[in-house]
Amino acid sequence: MYGLDDARTTLAALRPRLDDLIVVRADLAELRADLSRDGTSRLGGLAEVKGLEARLYADLEHFAEQGAQIKGYAPLLLDFPGELDGVPVLWCWLEGDPEITWYHRLDAGFAGRRPIPRPL
């Protein structure tokens, strides 16, 4: 269970690896597309696909070990379990968000995503 400040601190610590995952994900997508279309790529071949996949999965596993729930990786979506006014929530970060500024109830999912009330 994370307080909002703790979730934000954890996200900040993960940020370099999150940014790296986004690059790896893009390289992997481009490499697969090239290989599928042309059989070659400036990014390499099958060995590089396997290497990028391994890096991507290692990053996702690392995020989970830090307590983040991975809800998606394209776009990258992480939730951190918390509580708001006595109600269990997930502090929600979506790729592109500068920090955690959203939450949703456990039973509402992403469709129930709301801005975190101020002040908190």
PDB file of N, CA and C in Angstrom:
ATOM      1  N   MET A   1       0.860  -1.177   0.000  1.00  0.00           N
ATOM      2  CA  MET A   1       0.000   0.000   0.000  1.00  0.00           C
ATOM      3  C   MET A   1       0.901   1.235   0.000  1.00  0.00           C
ATOM      4  N   TYR A   2       0.629   2.132  -0.898  1.00  0.00           N
ATOM      5  CA  TYR A   2       1.416   3.351  -1.047  1.00  0.00           C
ATOM      6  C   TYR A   2       0.599   4.565  -0.647  1.00  0.00           C
ATOM      7  N   GLY A   3       1.219   5.458   0.126  1.00  0.00           N
ATOM      8  CA  GLY A   3       0.695   6.806   0.221  1.00  0.00           C
ATOM      9  C   GLY A   3       1.009   7.491  -1.102  1.00  0.00           C
ATOM     10  N   LEU A   4       0.314   8.557  -1.423  1.00  0.00           N
ATOM     11  CA  LEU A   4       0.541   9.236  -2.694  1.00  0.00           C
ATOM     12  C   LEU A   4       1.994   9.683  -2.829  1.00  0.00           C
ATOM     13  N   ASP A   5       2.562  10.255  -1.775  1.00  0.00           N
ATOM     14  CA  ASP A   5       3.958  10.697  -1.850  1.00  0.00           C
ATOM     15  C   ASP A   5       4.896   9.531  -2.114  1.00  0.00           C
ATOM     16  N   ASP A   6       4.642   8.401  -1.462  1.00  0.00           N
ATOM     17  CA  ASP A   6       5.476   7.213  -1.675  1.00  0.00           C
ATOM     18  C   ASP A   6       5.364   6.717  -3.115  1.00  0.00           C
ATOM     19  N   ALA A   7       4.155   6.713  -3.645  1.00  0.00           N
ATOM     20  CA  ALA A   7       3.963   6.275  -5.040  1.00  0.00           C
ATOM     21  C   ALA A   7       4.707   7.205  -5.991  1.00  0.00           C
ATOM     22  N   ARG A   8       4.622   8.503  -5.727  1.00  0.00           N
ATOM     23  CA  ARG A   8       5.327   9.459  -6.585  1.00  0.00           C
ATOM     24  C   ARG A   8       6.840   9.296  -6.482  1.00  0.00           C
ATOM     25  N   THR A   9       7.344   9.034  -5.279  1.00  0.00           N
ATOM     26  CA  THR A   9       8.779   8.817  -5.089  1.00  0.00           C
ATOM     27  C   THR A   9       9.229   7.559  -5.815  1.00  0.00           C
ATOM     28  N   THR A  10       8.440   6.497  -5.722  1.00  0.00           N
ATOM     29  CA  THR A  10       8.770   5.256  -6.422  1.00  0.00           C
ATOM     30  C   THR A  10       8.771   5.474  -7.927  1.00  0.00           C
ATOM     31  N   LEU A  11       7.768   6.174  -8.427  1.00  0.00           N
ATOM     32  CA  LEU A  11       7.709   6.461  -9.861  1.00  0.00           C
ATOM     33  C   LEU A  11       8.934   7.257 -10.299  1.00  0.00           C
ATOM     34  N   ALA A  12       9.323   8.260  -9.527  1.00  0.00           N
ATOM     35  CA  ALA A  12      10.498   9.072  -9.875  1.00  0.00           C
ATOM     36  C   ALA A  12      11.757   8.208  -9.928  1.00  0.00           C
ATOM     37  N   ALA A  13      11.879   7.263  -9.009  1.00  0.00           N
ATOM     38  CA  ALA A  13      13.037   6.373  -9.007  1.00  0.00           C
ATOM     39  C   ALA A  13      13.023   5.444 -10.223  1.00  0.00           C
ATOM     40  N   LEU A  14      11.834   5.088 -10.675  1.00  0.00           N
ATOM     41  CA  LEU A  14      11.705   4.206 -11.841  1.00  0.00           C
ATOM     42  C   LEU A  14      11.841   4.943 -13.168  1.00  0.00           C
ATOM     43  N   ARG A  15      11.747   6.251 -13.148  1.00  0.00           N
ATOM     44  CA  ARG A  15      11.661   7.049 -14.375  1.00  0.00           C
ATOM     45  C   ARG A  15      12.756   6.740 -15.401  1.00  0.00           C
ATOM     46  N   PRO A  16      14.037   6.654 -15.012  1.00  0.00           N
ATOM     47  CA  PRO A  16      15.034   6.340 -16.056  1.00  0.00           C
ATOM     48  C   PRO A  16      14.773   5.000 -16.739  1.00  0.00           C
ATOM     49  N   ARG A  17      14.354   4.032 -15.974  1.00  0.00           N
ATOM     50  CA  ARG A  17      14.092   2.712 -16.557  1.00  0.00           C
ATOM     51  C   ARG A  17      12.797   2.728 -17.364  1.00  0.00           C
ATOM     52  N   LEU A  18      11.817   3.528 -16.956  1.00  0.00           N
ATOM     53  CA  LEU A  18      10.587   3.688 -17.741  1.00  0.00           C
ATOM     54  C   LEU A  18      10.920   4.296 -19.101  1.00  0.00           C
ATOM     55  N   ASP A  19      11.743   5.336 -19.087  1.00  0.00           N
ATOM     56  CA  ASP A  19      12.133   5.989 -20.335  1.00  0.00           C
ATOM     57  C   ASP A  19      12.879   5.016 -21.245  1.00  0.00           C
ATOM     58  N   ASP A  20      13.742   4.193 -20.652  1.00  0.00           N
ATOM     59  CA  ASP A  20      14.482   3.199 -21.421  1.00  0.00           C
ATOM     60  C   ASP A  20      13.538   2.173 -22.028  1.00  0.00           C
ATOM     61  N   LEU A  21      12.537   1.730 -21.260  1.00  0.00           N
ATOM     62  CA  LEU A  21      11.582   0.752 -21.778  1.00  0.00           C
ATOM     63  C   LEU A  21      10.849   1.304 -22.997  1.00  0.00           C
ATOM     64  N   ILE A  22      10.519   2.570 -22.980  1.00  0.00           N
ATOM     65  CA  ILE A  22       9.800   3.177 -24.100  1.00  0.00           C
ATOM     66  C   ILE A  22      10.653   3.128 -25.372  1.00  0.00           C
ATOM     67  N   VAL A  23      11.951   3.376 -25.236  1.00  0.00           N
ATOM     68  CA  VAL A  23      12.866   3.291 -26.383  1.00  0.00           C
ATOM     69  C   VAL A  23      12.983   1.841 -26.852  1.00  0.00           C
ATOM     70  N   VAL A  24      13.163   0.920 -25.916  1.00  0.00           N
ATOM     71  CA  VAL A  24      13.277  -0.500 -26.258  1.00  0.00           C
ATOM     72  C   VAL A  24      12.018  -0.981 -26.963  1.00  0.00           C
ATOM     73  N   ARG A  25      10.859  -0.584 -26.438  1.00  0.00           N
ATOM     74  CA  ARG A  25       9.581  -0.981 -27.043  1.00  0.00           C
ATOM     75  C   ARG A  25       9.488  -0.476 -28.479  1.00  0.00           C
ATOM     76  N   ALA A  26       9.875   0.769 -28.724  1.00  0.00           N
ATOM     77  CA  ALA A  26       9.827   1.338 -30.074  1.00  0.00           C
ATOM     78  C   ALA A  26      10.812   0.627 -31.004  1.00  0.00           C
ATOM     79  N   ASP A  27      12.029   0.377 -30.507  1.00  0.00           N
ATOM     80  CA  ASP A  27      13.014  -0.345 -31.321  1.00  0.00           C
ATOM     81  C   ASP A  27      12.499  -1.733 -31.676  1.00  0.00           C
ATOM     82  N   LEU A  28      11.909  -2.408 -30.704  1.00  0.00           N
ATOM     83  CA  LEU A  28      11.388  -3.753 -30.943  1.00  0.00           C
ATOM     84  C   LEU A  28      10.271  -3.734 -31.985  1.00  0.00           C
ATOM     85  N   ALA A  29       9.371  -2.784 -31.874  1.00  0.00           N
ATOM     86  CA  ALA A  29       8.271  -2.680 -32.844  1.00  0.00           C
ATOM     87  C   ALA A  29       8.810  -2.411 -34.246  1.00  0.00           C
ATOM     88  N   GLU A  30       9.778  -1.500 -34.345  1.00  0.00           N
ATOM     89  CA  GLU A  30      10.354  -1.177 -35.654  1.00  0.00           C
ATOM     90  C   GLU A  30      11.110  -2.369 -36.226  1.00  0.00           C
ATOM     91  N   LEU A  31      11.884  -3.032 -35.387  1.00  0.00           N
ATOM     92  CA  LEU A  31      12.650  -4.195 -35.824  1.00  0.00           C
ATOM     93  C   LEU A  31      11.727  -5.301 -36.321  1.00  0.00           C
ATOM     94  N   ARG A  32      10.683  -5.590 -35.566  1.00  0.00           N
ATOM     95  CA  ARG A  32       9.731  -6.626 -36.004  1.00  0.00           C
ATOM     96  C   ARG A  32       9.068  -6.252 -37.325  1.00  0.00           C
ATOM     97  N   ALA A  33       8.672  -4.979 -37.462  1.00  0.00           N
ATOM     98  CA  ALA A  33       8.025  -4.531 -38.701  1.00  0.00           C
ATOM     99  C   ALA A  33       8.971  -4.671 -39.886  1.00  0.00           C
ATOM    100  N   ASP A  34      10.225  -4.239 -39.697  1.00  0.00           N
ATOM    101  CA  ASP A  34      11.209  -4.348 -40.776  1.00  0.00           C
ATOM    102  C   ASP A  34      11.428  -5.804 -41.182  1.00  0.00           C
ATOM    103  N   LEU A  35      11.618  -6.667 -40.191  1.00  0.00           N
ATOM    104  CA  LEU A  35      11.895  -8.068 -40.484  1.00  0.00           C
ATOM    105  C   LEU A  35      10.705  -8.737 -41.167  1.00  0.00           C
ATOM    106  N   SER A  36       9.512  -8.362 -40.735  1.00  0.00           N
ATOM    107  CA  SER A  36       8.306  -8.925 -41.336  1.00  0.00           C
ATOM    108  C   SER A  36       8.158  -8.485 -42.795  1.00  0.00           C
ATOM    109  N   ARG A  37       8.475  -7.218 -43.045  1.00  0.00           N
ATOM    110  CA  ARG A  37       8.288  -6.655 -44.379  1.00  0.00           C
ATOM    111  C   ARG A  37       9.449  -7.003 -45.307  1.00  0.00           C
ATOM    112  N   ASP A  38      10.681  -6.794 -44.844  1.00  0.00           N
ATOM    113  CA  ASP A  38      11.847  -6.896 -45.719  1.00  0.00           C
ATOM    114  C   ASP A  38      12.788  -8.051 -45.398  1.00  0.00           C
ATOM    115  N   GLY A  39      12.659  -8.616 -44.217  1.00  0.00           N
ATOM    116  CA  GLY A  39      13.583  -9.662 -43.806  1.00  0.00           C
ATOM    117  C   GLY A  39      14.896  -9.128 -43.260  1.00  0.00           C
ATOM    118  N   THR A  40      15.069  -7.789 -43.312  1.00  0.00           N
ATOM    119  CA  THR A  40      16.272  -7.153 -42.775  1.00  0.00           C
ATOM    120  C   THR A  40      15.878  -5.867 -42.050  1.00  0.00           C
ATOM    121  N   SER A  41      16.797  -5.389 -41.216  1.00  0.00           N
ATOM    122  CA  SER A  41      16.563  -4.137 -40.503  1.00  0.00           C
ATOM    123  C   SER A  41      17.892  -3.527 -40.099  1.00  0.00           C
ATOM    124  N   ARG A  42      17.950  -2.232 -40.060  1.00  0.00           N
ATOM    125  CA  ARG A  42      19.145  -1.537 -39.573  1.00  0.00           C
ATOM    126  C   ARG A  42      19.362  -1.828 -38.090  1.00  0.00           C
ATOM    127  N   LEU A  43      18.304  -2.308 -37.413  1.00  0.00           N
ATOM    128  CA  LEU A  43      18.377  -2.596 -35.981  1.00  0.00           C
ATOM    129  C   LEU A  43      18.839  -4.012 -35.678  1.00  0.00           C
ATOM    130  N   GLY A  44      19.005  -4.832 -36.715  1.00  0.00           N
ATOM    131  CA  GLY A  44      19.498  -6.182 -36.483  1.00  0.00           C
ATOM    132  C   GLY A  44      18.578  -7.240 -37.027  1.00  0.00           C
ATOM    133  N   GLY A  45      18.648  -8.399 -36.371  1.00  0.00           N
ATOM    134  CA  GLY A  45      17.868  -9.545 -36.812  1.00  0.00           C
ATOM    135  C   GLY A  45      17.189 -10.227 -35.645  1.00  0.00           C
ATOM    136  N   LEU A  46      16.977 -11.525 -35.788  1.00  0.00           N
ATOM    137  CA  LEU A  46      16.255 -12.294 -34.780  1.00  0.00           C
ATOM    138  C   LEU A  46      16.939 -12.250 -33.410  1.00  0.00           C
ATOM    139  N   ALA A  47      18.256 -12.280 -33.398  1.00  0.00           N
ATOM    140  CA  ALA A  47      18.978 -12.222 -32.110  1.00  0.00           C
ATOM    141  C   ALA A  47      18.683 -10.913 -31.387  1.00  0.00           C
ATOM    142  N   GLU A  48      18.606  -9.813 -32.136  1.00  0.00           N
ATOM    143  CA  GLU A  48      18.305  -8.516 -31.525  1.00  0.00           C
ATOM    144  C   GLU A  48      16.848  -8.458 -31.043  1.00  0.00           C
ATOM    145  N   VAL A  49      15.939  -9.100 -31.792  1.00  0.00           N
ATOM    146  CA  VAL A  49      14.547  -9.197 -31.331  1.00  0.00           C
ATOM    147  C   VAL A  49      14.513  -9.868 -29.978  1.00  0.00           C
ATOM    148  N   LYS A  50      15.170 -11.004 -29.856  1.00  0.00           N
ATOM    149  CA  LYS A  50      15.178 -11.754 -28.589  1.00  0.00           C
ATOM    150  C   LYS A  50      15.812 -10.935 -27.468  1.00  0.00           C
ATOM    151  N   GLY A  51      16.875 -10.211 -27.779  1.00  0.00           N
ATOM    152  CA  GLY A  51      17.527  -9.374 -26.777  1.00  0.00           C
ATOM    153  C   GLY A  51      16.633  -8.241 -26.301  1.00  0.00           C
ATOM    154  N   LEU A  52      15.967  -7.581 -27.233  1.00  0.00           N
ATOM    155  CA  LEU A  52      15.055  -6.488 -26.863  1.00  0.00           C
ATOM    156  C   LEU A  52      13.866  -7.019 -26.071  1.00  0.00           C
ATOM    157  N   GLU A  53      13.331  -8.174 -26.480  1.00  0.00           N
ATOM    158  CA  GLU A  53      12.229  -8.774 -25.711  1.00  0.00           C
ATOM    159  C   GLU A  53      12.670  -9.071 -24.282  1.00  0.00           C
ATOM    160  N   ALA A  54      13.875  -9.608 -24.127  1.00  0.00           N
ATOM    161  CA  ALA A  54      14.381  -9.924 -22.790  1.00  0.00           C
ATOM    162  C   ALA A  54      14.521  -8.661 -21.947  1.00  0.00           C
ATOM    163  N   ARG A  55      15.015  -7.584 -22.549  1.00  0.00           N
ATOM    164  CA  ARG A  55      15.141  -6.311 -21.813  1.00  0.00           C
ATOM    165  C   ARG A  55      13.768  -5.768 -21.414  1.00  0.00           C
ATOM    166  N   LEU A  56      12.818  -5.831 -22.341  1.00  0.00           N
ATOM    167  CA  LEU A  56      11.474  -5.333 -22.065  1.00  0.00           C
ATOM    168  C   LEU A  56      10.849  -6.099 -20.891  1.00  0.00           C
ATOM    169  N   TYR A  57      10.924  -7.429 -20.937  1.00  0.00           N
ATOM    170  CA  TYR A  57      10.327  -8.233 -19.874  1.00  0.00           C
ATOM    171  C   TYR A  57      11.068  -8.064 -18.554  1.00  0.00           C
ATOM    172  N   ALA A  58      12.380  -7.875 -18.597  1.00  0.00           N
ATOM    173  CA  ALA A  58      13.141  -7.628 -17.367  1.00  0.00           C
ATOM    174  C   ALA A  58      12.715  -6.308 -16.738  1.00  0.00           C
ATOM    175  N   ASP A  59      12.501  -5.283 -17.557  1.00  0.00           N
ATOM    176  CA  ASP A  59      12.034  -3.997 -17.025  1.00  0.00           C
ATOM    177  C   ASP A  59      10.647  -4.134 -16.402  1.00  0.00           C
ATOM    178  N   LEU A  60       9.734  -4.801 -17.104  1.00  0.00           N
ATOM    179  CA  LEU A  60       8.384  -4.979 -16.558  1.00  0.00           C
ATOM    180  C   LEU A  60       8.427  -5.747 -15.237  1.00  0.00           C
ATOM    181  N   GLU A  61       9.269  -6.758 -15.165  1.00  0.00           N
ATOM    182  CA  GLU A  61       9.417  -7.526 -13.926  1.00  0.00           C
ATOM    183  C   GLU A  61       9.978  -6.650 -12.813  1.00  0.00           C
ATOM    184  N   HIS A  62      10.932  -5.805 -13.142  1.00  0.00           N
ATOM    185  CA  HIS A  62      11.506  -4.889 -12.148  1.00  0.00           C
ATOM    186  C   HIS A  62      10.427  -3.941 -11.606  1.00  0.00           C
ATOM    187  N   PHE A  63       9.600  -3.395 -12.475  1.00  0.00           N
ATOM    188  CA  PHE A  63       8.539  -2.487 -12.022  1.00  0.00           C
ATOM    189  C   PHE A  63       7.604  -3.210 -11.056  1.00  0.00           C
ATOM    190  N   ALA A  64       7.250  -4.445 -11.375  1.00  0.00           N
ATOM    191  CA  ALA A  64       6.377  -5.235 -10.498  1.00  0.00           C
ATOM    192  C   ALA A  64       7.050  -5.497  -9.159  1.00  0.00           C
ATOM    193  N   GLU A  65       8.344  -5.761  -9.167  1.00  0.00           N
ATOM    194  CA  GLU A  65       9.075  -5.990  -7.918  1.00  0.00           C
ATOM    195  C   GLU A  65       9.095  -4.747  -7.034  1.00  0.00           C
ATOM    196  N   GLN A  66       8.964  -3.576  -7.647  1.00  0.00           N
ATOM    197  CA  GLN A  66       8.931  -2.322  -6.883  1.00  0.00           C
ATOM    198  C   GLN A  66       7.519  -1.996  -6.387  1.00  0.00           C
ATOM    199  N   GLY A  67       6.560  -2.870  -6.691  1.00  0.00           N
ATOM    200  CA  GLY A  67       5.198  -2.689  -6.202  1.00  0.00           C
ATOM    201  C   GLY A  67       4.231  -2.103  -7.202  1.00  0.00           C
ATOM    202  N   ALA A  68       4.706  -1.805  -8.408  1.00  0.00           N
ATOM    203  CA  ALA A  68       3.815  -1.259  -9.428  1.00  0.00           C
ATOM    204  C   ALA A  68       3.032  -2.395 -10.075  1.00  0.00           C
ATOM    205  N   GLN A  69       1.776  -2.130 -10.353  1.00  0.00           N
ATOM    206  CA  GLN A  69       0.964  -3.061 -11.121  1.00  0.00           C
ATOM    207  C   GLN A  69       1.013  -2.595 -12.575  1.00  0.00           C
ATOM    208  N   ILE A  70       1.482  -3.469 -13.453  1.00  0.00           N
ATOM    209  CA  ILE A  70       1.580  -3.112 -14.864  1.00  0.00           C
ATOM    210  C   ILE A  70       0.251  -3.436 -15.524  1.00  0.00           C
ATOM    211  N   LYS A  71      -0.426  -2.408 -16.001  1.00  0.00           N
ATOM    212  CA  LYS A  71      -1.724  -2.594 -16.630  1.00  0.00           C
ATOM    213  C   LYS A  71      -1.633  -2.547 -18.150  1.00  0.00           C
ATOM    214  N   GLY A  72      -0.509  -2.064 -18.654  1.00  0.00           N
ATOM    215  CA  GLY A  72      -0.284  -2.033 -20.084  1.00  0.00           C
ATOM    216  C   GLY A  72       1.123  -1.559 -20.365  1.00  0.00           C
ATOM    217  N   TYR A  73       1.653  -1.919 -21.538  1.00  0.00           N
ATOM    218  CA  TYR A  73       2.986  -1.423 -21.864  1.00  0.00           C
ATOM    219  C   TYR A  73       3.028  -0.676 -23.191  1.00  0.00           C
ATOM    220  N   ALA A  74       1.894  -0.546 -23.862  1.00  0.00           N
ATOM    221  CA  ALA A  74       1.836   0.252 -25.087  1.00  0.00           C
ATOM    222  C   ALA A  74       0.444   0.866 -25.202  1.00  0.00           C
ATOM    223  N   PRO A  75       0.181   1.971 -24.573  1.00  0.00           N
ATOM    224  CA  PRO A  75       1.096   2.787 -23.788  1.00  0.00           C
ATOM    225  C   PRO A  75       1.363   2.166 -22.407  1.00  0.00           C
ATOM    226  N   LEU A  76       2.450   2.599 -21.807  1.00  0.00           N
ATOM    227  CA  LEU A  76       2.840   2.127 -20.490  1.00  0.00           C
ATOM    228  C   LEU A  76       1.866   2.687 -19.447  1.00  0.00           C
ATOM    229  N   LEU A  77       1.302   1.796 -18.658  1.00  0.00           N
ATOM    230  CA  LEU A  77       0.310   2.168 -17.648  1.00  0.00           C
ATOM    231  C   LEU A  77       0.634   1.426 -16.361  1.00  0.00           C
ATOM    232  N   LEU A  78       0.917   2.188 -15.298  1.00  0.00           N
ATOM    233  CA  LEU A  78       1.250   1.613 -14.001  1.00  0.00           C
ATOM    234  C   LEU A  78       0.267   2.089 -12.951  1.00  0.00           C
ATOM    235  N   ASP A  79      -0.092   1.198 -12.044  1.00  0.00           N
ATOM    236  CA  ASP A  79      -0.916   1.531 -10.890  1.00  0.00           C
ATOM    237  C   ASP A  79      -0.164   1.166  -9.624  1.00  0.00           C
ATOM    238  N   PHE A  80      -0.388   1.955  -8.586  1.00  0.00           N
ATOM    239  CA  PHE A  80       0.196   1.713  -7.274  1.00  0.00           C
ATOM    240  C   PHE A  80      -0.940   1.662  -6.266  1.00  0.00           C
ATOM    241  N   PRO A  81      -1.091   0.557  -5.528  1.00  0.00           N
ATOM    242  CA  PRO A  81      -2.188   0.446  -4.574  1.00  0.00           C
ATOM    243  C   PRO A  81      -2.075   1.495  -3.470  1.00  0.00           C
ATOM    244  N   GLY A  82      -3.178   2.117  -3.149  1.00  0.00           N
ATOM    245  CA  GLY A  82      -3.208   3.132  -2.105  1.00  0.00           C
ATOM    246  C   GLY A  82      -4.581   3.241  -1.483  1.00  0.00           C
ATOM    247  N   GLU A  83      -4.778   4.336  -0.790  1.00  0.00           N
ATOM    248  CA  GLU A  83      -6.056   4.589  -0.131  1.00  0.00           C
ATOM    249  C   GLU A  83      -6.324   6.086  -0.158  1.00  0.00           C
ATOM    250  N   LEU A  84      -7.572   6.435  -0.437  1.00  0.00           N
ATOM    251  CA  LEU A  84      -7.997   7.831  -0.462  1.00  0.00           C
ATOM    252  C   LEU A  84      -9.290   7.936   0.329  1.00  0.00           C
ATOM    253  N   ASP A  85      -9.249   8.693   1.406  1.00  0.00           N
ATOM    254  CA  ASP A  85     -10.420   8.868   2.275  1.00  0.00           C
ATOM    255  C   ASP A  85     -10.996   7.531   2.724  1.00  0.00           C
ATOM    256  N   GLY A  86     -10.118   6.599   3.065  1.00  0.00           N
ATOM    257  CA  GLY A  86     -10.543   5.301   3.567  1.00  0.00           C
ATOM    258  C   GLY A  86     -10.994   4.316   2.503  1.00  0.00           C
ATOM    259  N   VAL A  87     -10.911   4.706   1.241  1.00  0.00           N
ATOM    260  CA  VAL A  87     -11.342   3.842   0.136  1.00  0.00           C
ATOM    261  C   VAL A  87     -10.096   3.328  -0.594  1.00  0.00           C
ATOM    262  N   PRO A  88      -9.982   2.010  -0.810  1.00  0.00           N
ATOM    263  CA  PRO A  88      -8.849   1.498  -1.582  1.00  0.00           C
ATOM    264  C   PRO A  88      -8.899   2.038  -3.018  1.00  0.00           C
ATOM    265  N   VAL A  89      -7.761   2.552  -3.462  1.00  0.00           N
ATOM    266  CA  VAL A  89      -7.652   3.103  -4.818  1.00  0.00           C
ATOM    267  C   VAL A  89      -6.348   2.638  -5.440  1.00  0.00           C
ATOM    268  N   LEU A  90      -6.217   2.928  -6.700  1.00  0.00           N
ATOM    269  CA  LEU A  90      -4.952   2.741  -7.396  1.00  0.00           C
ATOM    270  C   LEU A  90      -4.488   4.109  -7.887  1.00  0.00           C
ATOM    271  N   TRP A  91      -3.294   4.518  -7.436  1.00  0.00           N
ATOM    272  CA  TRP A  91      -2.677   5.734  -7.959  1.00  0.00           C
ATOM    273  C   TRP A  91      -2.223   5.374  -9.366  1.00  0.00           C
ATOM    274  N   CYS A  92      -2.644   6.122 -10.338  1.00  0.00           N
ATOM    275  CA  CYS A  92      -2.551   5.716 -11.746  1.00  0.00           C
ATOM    276  C   CYS A  92      -1.605   6.633 -12.512  1.00  0.00           C
ATOM    277  N   TRP A  93      -0.614   6.026 -13.169  1.00  0.00           N
ATOM    278  CA  TRP A  93       0.304   6.773 -14.035  1.00  0.00           C
ATOM    279  C   TRP A  93       0.236   6.192 -15.440  1.00  0.00           C
ATOM    280  N   LEU A  94       0.030   7.077 -16.403  1.00  0.00           N
ATOM    281  CA  LEU A  94      -0.026   6.710 -17.816  1.00  0.00           C
ATOM    282  C   LEU A  94       1.135   7.383 -18.529  1.00  0.00           C
ATOM    283  N   GLU A  95       1.796   6.643 -19.382  1.00  0.00           N
ATOM    284  CA  GLU A  95       2.892   7.194 -20.182  1.00  0.00           C
ATOM    285  C   GLU A  95       2.510   8.573 -20.708  1.00  0.00           C
ATOM    286  N   GLY A  96       3.387   9.534 -20.498  1.00  0.00           N
ATOM    287  CA  GLY A  96       3.125  10.910 -20.908  1.00  0.00           C
ATOM    288  C   GLY A  96       2.744  11.801 -19.738  1.00  0.00           C
ATOM    289  N   ASP A  97       2.225  11.212 -18.659  1.00  0.00           N
ATOM    290  CA  ASP A  97       1.914  12.002 -17.465  1.00  0.00           C
ATOM    291  C   ASP A  97       3.231  12.414 -16.808  1.00  0.00           C
ATOM    292  N   PRO A  98       3.350  13.684 -16.370  1.00  0.00           N
ATOM    293  CA  PRO A  98       4.599  14.107 -15.738  1.00  0.00           C
ATOM    294  C   PRO A  98       4.826  13.447 -14.372  1.00  0.00           C
ATOM    295  N   GLU A  99       3.755  13.142 -13.678  1.00  0.00           N
ATOM    296  CA  GLU A  99       3.819  12.441 -12.396  1.00  0.00           C
ATOM    297  C   GLU A  99       2.457  11.801 -12.149  1.00  0.00           C
ATOM    298  N   ILE A 100       2.273  11.230 -10.991  1.00  0.00           N
ATOM    299  CA  ILE A 100       0.976  10.620 -10.666  1.00  0.00           C
ATOM    300  C   ILE A 100       0.017  11.736 -10.266  1.00  0.00           C
ATOM    301  N   THR A 101      -0.994  11.951 -11.093  1.00  0.00           N
ATOM    302  CA  THR A 101      -2.000  12.974 -10.818  1.00  0.00           C
ATOM    303  C   THR A 101      -3.421  12.420 -10.945  1.00  0.00           C
ATOM    304  N   TRP A 102      -3.521  11.085 -11.110  1.00  0.00           N
ATOM    305  CA  TRP A 102      -4.807  10.428 -11.308  1.00  0.00           C
ATOM    306  C   TRP A 102      -4.930   9.242 -10.359  1.00  0.00           C
ATOM    307  N   TYR A 103      -6.149   8.842 -10.103  1.00  0.00           N
ATOM    308  CA  TYR A 103      -6.433   7.636  -9.321  1.00  0.00           C
ATOM    309  C   TYR A 103      -7.727   7.038  -9.839  1.00  0.00           C
ATOM    310  N   HIS A 104      -7.968   5.799  -9.450  1.00  0.00           N
ATOM    311  CA  HIS A 104      -9.286   5.207  -9.679  1.00  0.00           C
ATOM    312  C   HIS A 104      -9.538   4.157  -8.613  1.00  0.00           C
ATOM    313  N   ARG A 105     -10.800   3.922  -8.338  1.00  0.00           N
ATOM    314  CA  ARG A 105     -11.164   2.868  -7.393  1.00  0.00           C
ATOM    315  C   ARG A 105     -10.783   1.521  -7.981  1.00  0.00           C
ATOM    316  N   LEU A 106     -10.590   0.543  -7.100  1.00  0.00           N
ATOM    317  CA  LEU A 106     -10.216  -0.795  -7.546  1.00  0.00           C
ATOM    318  C   LEU A 106     -11.262  -1.401  -8.461  1.00  0.00           C
ATOM    319  N   ASP A 107     -12.521  -1.132  -8.164  1.00  0.00           N
ATOM    320  CA  ASP A 107     -13.612  -1.758  -8.910  1.00  0.00           C
ATOM    321  C   ASP A 107     -14.048  -0.957 -10.138  1.00  0.00           C
ATOM    322  N   ALA A 108     -13.427   0.190 -10.385  1.00  0.00           N
ATOM    323  CA  ALA A 108     -13.844   1.028 -11.509  1.00  0.00           C
ATOM    324  C   ALA A 108     -12.882   0.963 -12.688  1.00  0.00           C
ATOM    325  N   GLY A 109     -11.654   0.553 -12.454  1.00  0.00           N
ATOM    326  CA  GLY A 109     -10.685   0.454 -13.535  1.00  0.00           C
ATOM    327  C   GLY A 109     -10.362   1.786 -14.178  1.00  0.00           C
ATOM    328  N   PHE A 110      -9.665   1.714 -15.299  1.00  0.00           N
ATOM    329  CA  PHE A 110      -9.198   2.913 -15.985  1.00  0.00           C
ATOM    330  C   PHE A 110     -10.353   3.839 -16.363  1.00  0.00           C
ATOM    331  N   ALA A 111     -11.500   3.273 -16.686  1.00  0.00           N
ATOM    332  CA  ALA A 111     -12.653   4.100 -17.060  1.00  0.00           C
ATOM    333  C   ALA A 111     -13.107   4.988 -15.910  1.00  0.00           C
ATOM    334  N   GLY A 112     -12.781   4.606 -14.678  1.00  0.00           N
ATOM    335  CA  GLY A 112     -13.131   5.394 -13.504  1.00  0.00           C
ATOM    336  C   GLY A 112     -12.027   6.355 -13.076  1.00  0.00           C
ATOM    337  N   ARG A 113     -11.041   6.558 -13.909  1.00  0.00           N
ATOM    338  CA  ARG A 113      -9.890   7.409 -13.584  1.00  0.00           C
ATOM    339  C   ARG A 113     -10.329   8.843 -13.340  1.00  0.00           C
ATOM    340  N   ARG A 114      -9.838   9.395 -12.213  1.00  0.00           N
ATOM    341  CA  ARG A 114     -10.172  10.779 -11.837  1.00  0.00           C
ATOM    342  C   ARG A 114      -8.909  11.531 -11.434  1.00  0.00           C
ATOM    343  N   PRO A 115      -8.905  12.858 -11.588  1.00  0.00           N
ATOM    344  CA  PRO A 115      -7.780  13.640 -11.072  1.00  0.00           C
ATOM    345  C   PRO A 115      -7.734  13.548  -9.548  1.00  0.00           C
ATOM    346  N   ILE A 116      -6.553  13.503  -8.998  1.00  0.00           N
ATOM    347  CA  ILE A 116      -6.408  13.479  -7.546  1.00  0.00           C
ATOM    348  C   ILE A 116      -6.843  14.834  -7.010  1.00  0.00           C
ATOM    349  N   PRO A 117      -7.746  14.834  -6.020  1.00  0.00           N
ATOM    350  CA  PRO A 117      -8.211  16.121  -5.493  1.00  0.00           C
ATOM    351  C   PRO A 117      -7.077  16.898  -4.830  1.00  0.00           C
ATOM    352  N   ARG A 118      -7.179  18.199  -4.895  1.00  0.00           N
ATOM    353  CA  ARG A 118      -6.195  19.086  -4.253  1.00  0.00           C
ATOM    354  C   ARG A 118      -6.856  19.787  -3.106  1.00  0.00           C
ATOM    355  N   PRO A 119      -6.229  19.982  -1.988  1.00  0.00           N
ATOM    356  CA  PRO A 119      -4.917  19.429  -1.642  1.00  0.00           C
ATOM    357  C   PRO A 119      -5.056  17.996  -1.149  1.00  0.00           C
ATOM    358  N   LEU A 120      -3.986  17.271  -1.294  1.00  0.00           N
ATOM    359  CA  LEU A 120      -3.953  15.909  -0.769  1.00  0.00           C
ATOM    360  C   LEU A 120      -2.630  15.689  -0.099  1.00  0.00           C
TER     361      LEU A 120
END
